[in-house]
Amino acid sequence: MTVGIVVVSHSSKIADGAVELAAQMAPDVELVAAGGTDDERIGTSLEKVLAAVEQSLVDSGGDGVVVLTDLGSAVMTAESAVEFASDPDAVLLADAPLVEGLVAAAVAAQSGAGVEDVRKAAEAVAFGNVPAGVGGPEIPDNKGEPDASGDFELINPLGMHARPAAKIAGGLSGLEAEVTVNGVDGMSIMALMALAAGKGSTLRVEASGKDALKAVEYVGRLVEEGFGEL
């Protein structure tokens, strides 16, 4: 079993689409969509969210459930559902961007992380942190030399697309290190994808902190294994 994940959105299409996306990267994780009202209008339904939470509690086999939401009132609906759940202590709400946080959480759950670490993976994601020239700044280099670094050549056919980005971000979120990949936040799926690094590109990984070496070795191993796509 793995940690279950529930997606709460005001739109059933958004919830279903987000689950479909995350399932591509975490095929063994039980993902449940709870979007829209009972009559399929825009909004949230306590009954629908509670049913999704209960289903996820069963499917996770006691490993726990993480809930992600989109807008403000969805948070209140999710909080109410947790209060009425059969095992509220096993359900954690994540304060994270819905899509990017969901993918990071799903990848963490796929790797066997516990419920608290799955929530942390979702919340560690930096939303909207993309490289200069595509809508956002690079992380400034103002901390001197990194504790560990490495250069790795992408060998997988599609380069840095969604699945490799999610694997990097999800794994790094569980380490005590600040990591950049070609100057952007290594825990931001969107930033990594925005690098548009194709096959043959070099990833410069720099890390500082207690787990700096582990972080560089983790990314290097993923790259050298072709992210399991070879």
C-alpha atoms as a PDB file:
ATOM      1  CA  MET A   1       0.000   0.000   0.000  1.00  0.00           C
ATOM      2  CA  THR A   2       0.974   3.645  -0.395  1.00  0.00           C
ATOM      3  CA  VAL A   3      -0.255   6.925   1.061  1.00  0.00           C
ATOM      4  CA  GLY A   4      -3.529   7.931  -0.600  1.00  0.00           C
ATOM      5  CA  ILE A   5      -4.083  11.359  -2.111  1.00  0.00           C
ATOM      6  CA  VAL A   6      -7.355  13.266  -2.533  1.00  0.00           C
ATOM      7  CA  VAL A   7      -7.700  16.220  -4.895  1.00  0.00           C
ATOM      8  CA  VAL A   8     -10.378  18.789  -4.049  1.00  0.00           C
ATOM      9  CA  SER A   9     -11.257  21.383  -6.690  1.00  0.00           C
ATOM     10  CA  HIS A  10     -14.180  23.622  -7.535  1.00  0.00           C
ATOM     11  CA  SER A  11     -14.199  21.981 -10.962  1.00  0.00           C
ATOM     12  CA  SER A  12     -14.638  18.265 -11.556  1.00  0.00           C
ATOM     13  CA  LYS A  13     -12.664  18.625 -14.792  1.00  0.00           C
ATOM     14  CA  ILE A  14      -9.717  20.192 -12.985  1.00  0.00           C
ATOM     15  CA  ALA A  15      -9.723  17.508 -10.281  1.00  0.00           C
ATOM     16  CA  ASP A  16      -9.988  14.675 -12.811  1.00  0.00           C
ATOM     17  CA  GLY A  17      -7.313  16.196 -15.045  1.00  0.00           C
ATOM     18  CA  ALA A  18      -4.882  16.728 -12.173  1.00  0.00           C
ATOM     19  CA  VAL A  19      -5.357  13.136 -11.048  1.00  0.00           C
ATOM     20  CA  GLU A  20      -4.835  11.883 -14.607  1.00  0.00           C
ATOM     21  CA  LEU A  21      -1.574  13.827 -14.854  1.00  0.00           C
ATOM     22  CA  ALA A  22      -0.216  12.655 -11.498  1.00  0.00           C
ATOM     23  CA  ALA A  23      -1.157   9.053 -12.243  1.00  0.00           C
ATOM     24  CA  GLN A  24       1.265   9.057 -15.165  1.00  0.00           C
ATOM     25  CA  MET A  25       4.128   9.582 -12.731  1.00  0.00           C
ATOM     26  CA  ALA A  26       2.827   7.544  -9.802  1.00  0.00           C
ATOM     27  CA  PRO A  27       0.930   4.514 -11.167  1.00  0.00           C
ATOM     28  CA  ASP A  28       0.850   2.688  -7.835  1.00  0.00           C
ATOM     29  CA  VAL A  29      -0.603   5.558  -5.795  1.00  0.00           C
ATOM     30  CA  GLU A  30      -4.321   5.706  -5.069  1.00  0.00           C
ATOM     31  CA  LEU A  31      -5.473   9.119  -6.309  1.00  0.00           C
ATOM     32  CA  VAL A  32      -9.076  10.214  -5.793  1.00  0.00           C
ATOM     33  CA  ALA A  33     -10.669  13.263  -7.427  1.00  0.00           C
ATOM     34  CA  ALA A  34     -13.360  15.212  -5.596  1.00  0.00           C
ATOM     35  CA  GLY A  35     -14.250  18.143  -7.813  1.00  0.00           C
ATOM     36  CA  GLY A  36     -17.383  20.196  -8.288  1.00  0.00           C
ATOM     37  CA  THR A  37     -20.772  19.903  -6.634  1.00  0.00           C
ATOM     38  CA  ASP A  38     -23.014  16.848  -6.515  1.00  0.00           C
ATOM     39  CA  ASP A  39     -24.878  18.105  -9.594  1.00  0.00           C
ATOM     40  CA  GLU A  40     -21.607  18.829 -11.434  1.00  0.00           C
ATOM     41  CA  ARG A  41     -21.683  22.604 -11.029  1.00  0.00           C
ATOM     42  CA  ILE A  42     -18.700  24.736 -10.029  1.00  0.00           C
ATOM     43  CA  GLY A  43     -18.219  24.556  -6.274  1.00  0.00           C
ATOM     44  CA  THR A  44     -17.402  21.994  -3.612  1.00  0.00           C
ATOM     45  CA  SER A  45     -19.444  19.320  -1.884  1.00  0.00           C
ATOM     46  CA  LEU A  46     -18.801  18.139   1.660  1.00  0.00           C
ATOM     47  CA  GLU A  47     -20.466  14.824   0.860  1.00  0.00           C
ATOM     48  CA  LYS A  48     -18.314  14.270  -2.220  1.00  0.00           C
ATOM     49  CA  VAL A  49     -15.077  15.214  -0.447  1.00  0.00           C
ATOM     50  CA  LEU A  50     -15.896  13.097   2.607  1.00  0.00           C
ATOM     51  CA  ALA A  51     -16.669  10.114   0.368  1.00  0.00           C
ATOM     52  CA  ALA A  52     -13.335  10.606  -1.412  1.00  0.00           C
ATOM     53  CA  VAL A  53     -11.458  10.783   1.887  1.00  0.00           C
ATOM     54  CA  GLU A  54     -13.138   7.633   3.185  1.00  0.00           C
ATOM     55  CA  GLN A  55     -12.399   5.798  -0.069  1.00  0.00           C
ATOM     56  CA  SER A  56      -8.779   6.880   0.117  1.00  0.00           C
ATOM     57  CA  LEU A  57      -8.496   5.776   3.748  1.00  0.00           C
ATOM     58  CA  VAL A  58      -9.628   2.306   2.709  1.00  0.00           C
ATOM     59  CA  ASP A  59      -7.462   2.177  -0.417  1.00  0.00           C
ATOM     60  CA  SER A  60      -4.343   3.299   1.464  1.00  0.00           C
ATOM     61  CA  GLY A  61      -4.659   0.402   3.878  1.00  0.00           C
ATOM     62  CA  GLY A  62      -3.795   2.486   6.924  1.00  0.00           C
ATOM     63  CA  ASP A  63      -0.867   4.366   5.385  1.00  0.00           C
ATOM     64  CA  GLY A  64      -2.726   7.669   5.619  1.00  0.00           C
ATOM     65  CA  VAL A  65      -4.168  10.256   3.242  1.00  0.00           C
ATOM     66  CA  VAL A  66      -2.999  13.662   2.035  1.00  0.00           C
ATOM     67  CA  VAL A  67      -5.559  16.158   0.719  1.00  0.00           C
ATOM     68  CA  LEU A  68      -4.751  18.946  -1.734  1.00  0.00           C
ATOM     69  CA  THR A  69      -7.152  21.755  -2.612  1.00  0.00           C
ATOM     70  CA  ASP A  70      -7.411  24.636  -5.065  1.00  0.00           C
ATOM     71  CA  LEU A  71      -9.241  27.733  -3.773  1.00  0.00           C
ATOM     72  CA  GLY A  72     -10.158  29.052  -0.340  1.00  0.00           C
ATOM     73  CA  SER A  73     -13.586  27.537   0.179  1.00  0.00           C
ATOM     74  CA  ALA A  74     -12.255  24.149  -0.941  1.00  0.00           C
ATOM     75  CA  VAL A  75      -9.910  24.289   2.040  1.00  0.00           C
ATOM     76  CA  MET A  76     -12.846  24.826   4.394  1.00  0.00           C
ATOM     77  CA  THR A  77     -14.749  21.948   2.797  1.00  0.00           C
ATOM     78  CA  ALA A  78     -11.717  19.695   3.121  1.00  0.00           C
ATOM     79  CA  GLU A  79     -11.212  20.688   6.753  1.00  0.00           C
ATOM     80  CA  SER A  80     -14.836  19.795   7.502  1.00  0.00           C
ATOM     81  CA  ALA A  81     -14.455  16.460   5.736  1.00  0.00           C
ATOM     82  CA  VAL A  82     -11.416  15.640   7.849  1.00  0.00           C
ATOM     83  CA  GLU A  83     -13.352  16.411  11.030  1.00  0.00           C
ATOM     84  CA  PHE A  84     -16.105  13.982  10.004  1.00  0.00           C
ATOM     85  CA  ALA A  85     -13.736  11.287   8.694  1.00  0.00           C
ATOM     86  CA  SER A  86     -13.634   7.888  10.367  1.00  0.00           C
ATOM     87  CA  ASP A  87      -9.911   8.357  11.135  1.00  0.00           C
ATOM     88  CA  PRO A  88      -9.181  12.097  11.111  1.00  0.00           C
ATOM     89  CA  ASP A  89      -5.682  11.654  12.536  1.00  0.00           C
ATOM     90  CA  ALA A  90      -4.682   9.744   9.391  1.00  0.00           C
ATOM     91  CA  VAL A  91      -5.695  12.594   7.053  1.00  0.00           C
ATOM     92  CA  LEU A  92      -3.379  15.565   6.477  1.00  0.00           C
ATOM     93  CA  LEU A  93      -4.133  18.733   4.515  1.00  0.00           C
ATOM     94  CA  ALA A  94      -1.320  20.093   2.344  1.00  0.00           C
ATOM     95  CA  ASP A  95      -0.862  23.821   1.838  1.00  0.00           C
ATOM     96  CA  ALA A  96       0.492  23.614  -1.689  1.00  0.00           C
ATOM     97  CA  PRO A  97      -0.253  24.602  -5.297  1.00  0.00           C
ATOM     98  CA  LEU A  98      -2.710  22.029  -6.594  1.00  0.00           C
ATOM     99  CA  VAL A  99      -1.057  20.636  -9.716  1.00  0.00           C
ATOM    100  CA  GLU A 100       2.634  20.988  -8.883  1.00  0.00           C
ATOM    101  CA  GLY A 101       2.094  20.007  -5.265  1.00  0.00           C
ATOM    102  CA  LEU A 102       0.031  17.015  -6.325  1.00  0.00           C
ATOM    103  CA  VAL A 103       2.707  15.727  -8.669  1.00  0.00           C
ATOM    104  CA  ALA A 104       5.423  16.109  -6.018  1.00  0.00           C
ATOM    105  CA  ALA A 105       3.242  14.371  -3.425  1.00  0.00           C
ATOM    106  CA  ALA A 106       2.378  11.552  -5.816  1.00  0.00           C
ATOM    107  CA  VAL A 107       6.031  10.957  -6.687  1.00  0.00           C
ATOM    108  CA  ALA A 108       6.921  10.895  -2.982  1.00  0.00           C
ATOM    109  CA  ALA A 109       4.112   8.435  -2.266  1.00  0.00           C
ATOM    110  CA  GLN A 110       5.211   6.284  -5.205  1.00  0.00           C
ATOM    111  CA  SER A 111       8.674   6.076  -3.656  1.00  0.00           C
ATOM    112  CA  GLY A 112       7.179   4.758  -0.410  1.00  0.00           C
ATOM    113  CA  ALA A 113       7.289   7.924   1.699  1.00  0.00           C
ATOM    114  CA  GLY A 114       5.088   8.149   4.783  1.00  0.00           C
ATOM    115  CA  VAL A 115       2.090  10.434   5.042  1.00  0.00           C
ATOM    116  CA  GLU A 116       3.942  13.305   6.741  1.00  0.00           C
ATOM    117  CA  ASP A 117       6.740  13.195   4.174  1.00  0.00           C
ATOM    118  CA  VAL A 118       4.215  13.128   1.329  1.00  0.00           C
ATOM    119  CA  ARG A 119       2.624  16.279   2.702  1.00  0.00           C
ATOM    120  CA  LYS A 120       6.057  17.884   3.099  1.00  0.00           C
ATOM    121  CA  ALA A 121       6.885  16.996  -0.512  1.00  0.00           C
ATOM    122  CA  ALA A 122       3.775  18.836  -1.692  1.00  0.00           C
ATOM    123  CA  GLU A 123       4.425  21.860   0.501  1.00  0.00           C
ATOM    124  CA  ALA A 124       8.119  22.060  -0.383  1.00  0.00           C
ATOM    125  CA  VAL A 125       7.347  22.738  -4.021  1.00  0.00           C
ATOM    126  CA  ALA A 126       8.130  26.318  -5.037  1.00  0.00           C
ATOM    127  CA  PHE A 127       5.251  27.569  -7.153  1.00  0.00           C
ATOM    128  CA  GLY A 128       6.082  29.719 -10.144  1.00  0.00           C
ATOM    129  CA  ASN A 129       9.855  29.743  -9.642  1.00  0.00           C
ATOM    130  CA  VAL A 130      11.040  29.606 -13.257  1.00  0.00           C
ATOM    131  CA  PRO A 131      14.230  30.723 -14.960  1.00  0.00           C
ATOM    132  CA  ALA A 132      14.941  34.240 -16.172  1.00  0.00           C
ATOM    133  CA  GLY A 133      13.447  34.911 -19.575  1.00  0.00           C
ATOM    134  CA  VAL A 134      10.381  32.720 -19.049  1.00  0.00           C
ATOM    135  CA  GLY A 135       8.495  34.605 -16.383  1.00  0.00           C
ATOM    136  CA  GLY A 136      10.631  34.608 -13.266  1.00  0.00           C
ATOM    137  CA  PRO A 137      14.118  35.085 -11.823  1.00  0.00           C
ATOM    138  CA  GLU A 138      16.871  32.586 -11.283  1.00  0.00           C
ATOM    139  CA  ILE A 139      17.890  31.889  -7.723  1.00  0.00           C
ATOM    140  CA  PRO A 140      20.659  34.409  -6.952  1.00  0.00           C
ATOM    141  CA  ASP A 141      24.091  33.048  -6.215  1.00  0.00           C
ATOM    142  CA  ASN A 142      24.796  34.883  -2.998  1.00  0.00           C
ATOM    143  CA  LYS A 143      25.821  32.103  -0.665  1.00  0.00           C
ATOM    144  CA  GLY A 144      29.348  31.399  -1.853  1.00  0.00           C
ATOM    145  CA  GLU A 145      30.525  27.990  -2.962  1.00  0.00           C
ATOM    146  CA  PRO A 146      28.077  25.057  -2.671  1.00  0.00           C
ATOM    147  CA  ASP A 147      28.849  22.166  -0.348  1.00  0.00           C
ATOM    148  CA  ALA A 148      28.542  19.704  -3.231  1.00  0.00           C
ATOM    149  CA  SER A 149      28.099  19.914  -6.975  1.00  0.00           C
ATOM    150  CA  GLY A 150      28.112  17.817 -10.121  1.00  0.00           C
ATOM    151  CA  ASP A 151      27.565  17.957 -13.879  1.00  0.00           C
ATOM    152  CA  PHE A 152      25.391  15.322 -15.511  1.00  0.00           C
ATOM    153  CA  GLU A 153      24.445  14.803 -19.150  1.00  0.00           C
ATOM    154  CA  LEU A 154      20.827  14.000 -19.949  1.00  0.00           C
ATOM    155  CA  ILE A 155      20.622  10.711 -21.838  1.00  0.00           C
ATOM    156  CA  ASN A 156      16.893  10.012 -21.805  1.00  0.00           C
ATOM    157  CA  PRO A 157      15.250  10.668 -25.198  1.00  0.00           C
ATOM    158  CA  LEU A 158      12.831  13.401 -24.079  1.00  0.00           C
ATOM    159  CA  GLY A 159      15.121  15.271 -21.728  1.00  0.00           C
ATOM    160  CA  MET A 160      13.673  17.259 -18.845  1.00  0.00           C
ATOM    161  CA  HIS A 161       9.945  16.734 -19.270  1.00  0.00           C
ATOM    162  CA  ALA A 162       7.322  16.381 -16.532  1.00  0.00           C
ATOM    163  CA  ARG A 163       8.189  12.936 -15.193  1.00  0.00           C
ATOM    164  CA  PRO A 164      11.942  13.511 -14.693  1.00  0.00           C
ATOM    165  CA  ALA A 165      11.236  16.939 -13.180  1.00  0.00           C
ATOM    166  CA  ALA A 166       8.787  15.378 -10.746  1.00  0.00           C
ATOM    167  CA  LYS A 167      11.247  12.664  -9.755  1.00  0.00           C
ATOM    168  CA  ILE A 168      13.964  15.219  -9.056  1.00  0.00           C
ATOM    169  CA  ALA A 169      11.700  17.582  -7.117  1.00  0.00           C
ATOM    170  CA  GLY A 170       9.953  14.822  -5.185  1.00  0.00           C
ATOM    171  CA  GLY A 171      13.178  13.174  -4.063  1.00  0.00           C
ATOM    172  CA  LEU A 172      14.927  16.395  -3.112  1.00  0.00           C
ATOM    173  CA  SER A 173      11.990  17.525  -0.992  1.00  0.00           C
ATOM    174  CA  GLY A 174      12.843  14.884   1.597  1.00  0.00           C
ATOM    175  CA  LEU A 175      16.450  16.023   2.001  1.00  0.00           C
ATOM    176  CA  GLU A 176      17.933  18.761   4.177  1.00  0.00           C
ATOM    177  CA  ALA A 177      19.576  20.730   1.398  1.00  0.00           C
ATOM    178  CA  GLU A 178      19.087  23.735  -0.829  1.00  0.00           C
ATOM    179  CA  VAL A 179      19.568  22.553  -4.388  1.00  0.00           C
ATOM    180  CA  THR A 180      19.740  24.315  -7.726  1.00  0.00           C
ATOM    181  CA  VAL A 181      19.766  22.729 -11.157  1.00  0.00           C
ATOM    182  CA  ASN A 182      21.175  25.031 -13.818  1.00  0.00           C
ATOM    183  CA  GLY A 183      20.427  27.912 -11.484  1.00  0.00           C
ATOM    184  CA  VAL A 184      16.797  27.160 -10.650  1.00  0.00           C
ATOM    185  CA  ASP A 185      15.153  25.604  -7.617  1.00  0.00           C
ATOM    186  CA  GLY A 186      15.601  21.833  -7.750  1.00  0.00           C
ATOM    187  CA  MET A 187      12.350  21.330  -5.845  1.00  0.00           C
ATOM    188  CA  SER A 188      10.219  23.223  -8.372  1.00  0.00           C
ATOM    189  CA  ILE A 189       8.786  20.965 -11.056  1.00  0.00           C
ATOM    190  CA  MET A 190       7.729  23.921 -13.177  1.00  0.00           C
ATOM    191  CA  ALA A 191      11.159  25.543 -12.944  1.00  0.00           C
ATOM    192  CA  LEU A 192      12.910  22.334 -13.953  1.00  0.00           C
ATOM    193  CA  MET A 193      10.569  21.808 -16.893  1.00  0.00           C
ATOM    194  CA  ALA A 194      11.051  25.420 -17.967  1.00  0.00           C
ATOM    195  CA  LEU A 195      14.759  24.727 -18.436  1.00  0.00           C
ATOM    196  CA  ALA A 196      13.705  22.941 -21.630  1.00  0.00           C
ATOM    197  CA  ALA A 197      16.834  20.796 -21.340  1.00  0.00           C
ATOM    198  CA  GLY A 198      16.903  18.219 -24.119  1.00  0.00           C
ATOM    199  CA  LYS A 199      18.853  15.020 -24.594  1.00  0.00           C
ATOM    200  CA  GLY A 200      22.569  15.775 -24.492  1.00  0.00           C
ATOM    201  CA  SER A 201      22.148  18.834 -22.288  1.00  0.00           C
ATOM    202  CA  THR A 202      24.240  19.138 -19.142  1.00  0.00           C
ATOM    203  CA  LEU A 203      22.617  19.671 -15.766  1.00  0.00           C
ATOM    204  CA  ARG A 204      24.741  21.574 -13.267  1.00  0.00           C
ATOM    205  CA  VAL A 205      23.596  20.526  -9.794  1.00  0.00           C
ATOM    206  CA  GLU A 206      24.720  22.543  -6.774  1.00  0.00           C
ATOM    207  CA  ALA A 207      23.668  21.860  -3.196  1.00  0.00           C
ATOM    208  CA  SER A 208      24.272  23.276   0.261  1.00  0.00           C
ATOM    209  CA  GLY A 209      23.250  21.879   3.627  1.00  0.00           C
ATOM    210  CA  LYS A 210      23.431  18.689   5.662  1.00  0.00           C
ATOM    211  CA  ASP A 211      22.334  16.427   2.795  1.00  0.00           C
ATOM    212  CA  ALA A 212      24.121  18.303   0.010  1.00  0.00           C
ATOM    213  CA  LEU A 213      26.162  15.333  -1.192  1.00  0.00           C
ATOM    214  CA  LYS A 214      23.141  13.022  -1.040  1.00  0.00           C
ATOM    215  CA  ALA A 215      21.154  15.516  -3.102  1.00  0.00           C
ATOM    216  CA  VAL A 216      23.779  15.748  -5.845  1.00  0.00           C
ATOM    217  CA  GLU A 217      24.223  11.975  -5.899  1.00  0.00           C
ATOM    218  CA  TYR A 218      20.449  11.498  -6.062  1.00  0.00           C
ATOM    219  CA  VAL A 219      20.044  13.737  -9.097  1.00  0.00           C
ATOM    220  CA  GLY A 220      23.132  12.265 -10.724  1.00  0.00           C
ATOM    221  CA  ARG A 221      21.826   8.732 -10.299  1.00  0.00           C
ATOM    222  CA  LEU A 222      18.469   9.637 -11.823  1.00  0.00           C
ATOM    223  CA  VAL A 223      20.144  11.276 -14.815  1.00  0.00           C
ATOM    224  CA  GLU A 224      22.613   8.444 -15.348  1.00  0.00           C
ATOM    225  CA  GLU A 225      19.777   5.898 -15.236  1.00  0.00           C
ATOM    226  CA  GLY A 226      17.814   7.912 -17.792  1.00  0.00           C
ATOM    227  CA  PHE A 227      15.013   8.401 -15.245  1.00  0.00           C
ATOM    228  CA  GLY A 228      13.973   4.800 -15.925  1.00  0.00           C
ATOM    229  CA  GLU A 229      13.005   5.649 -19.504  1.00  0.00           C
ATOM    230  CA  LEU A 230      15.755   3.764 -21.347  1.00  0.00           C
END
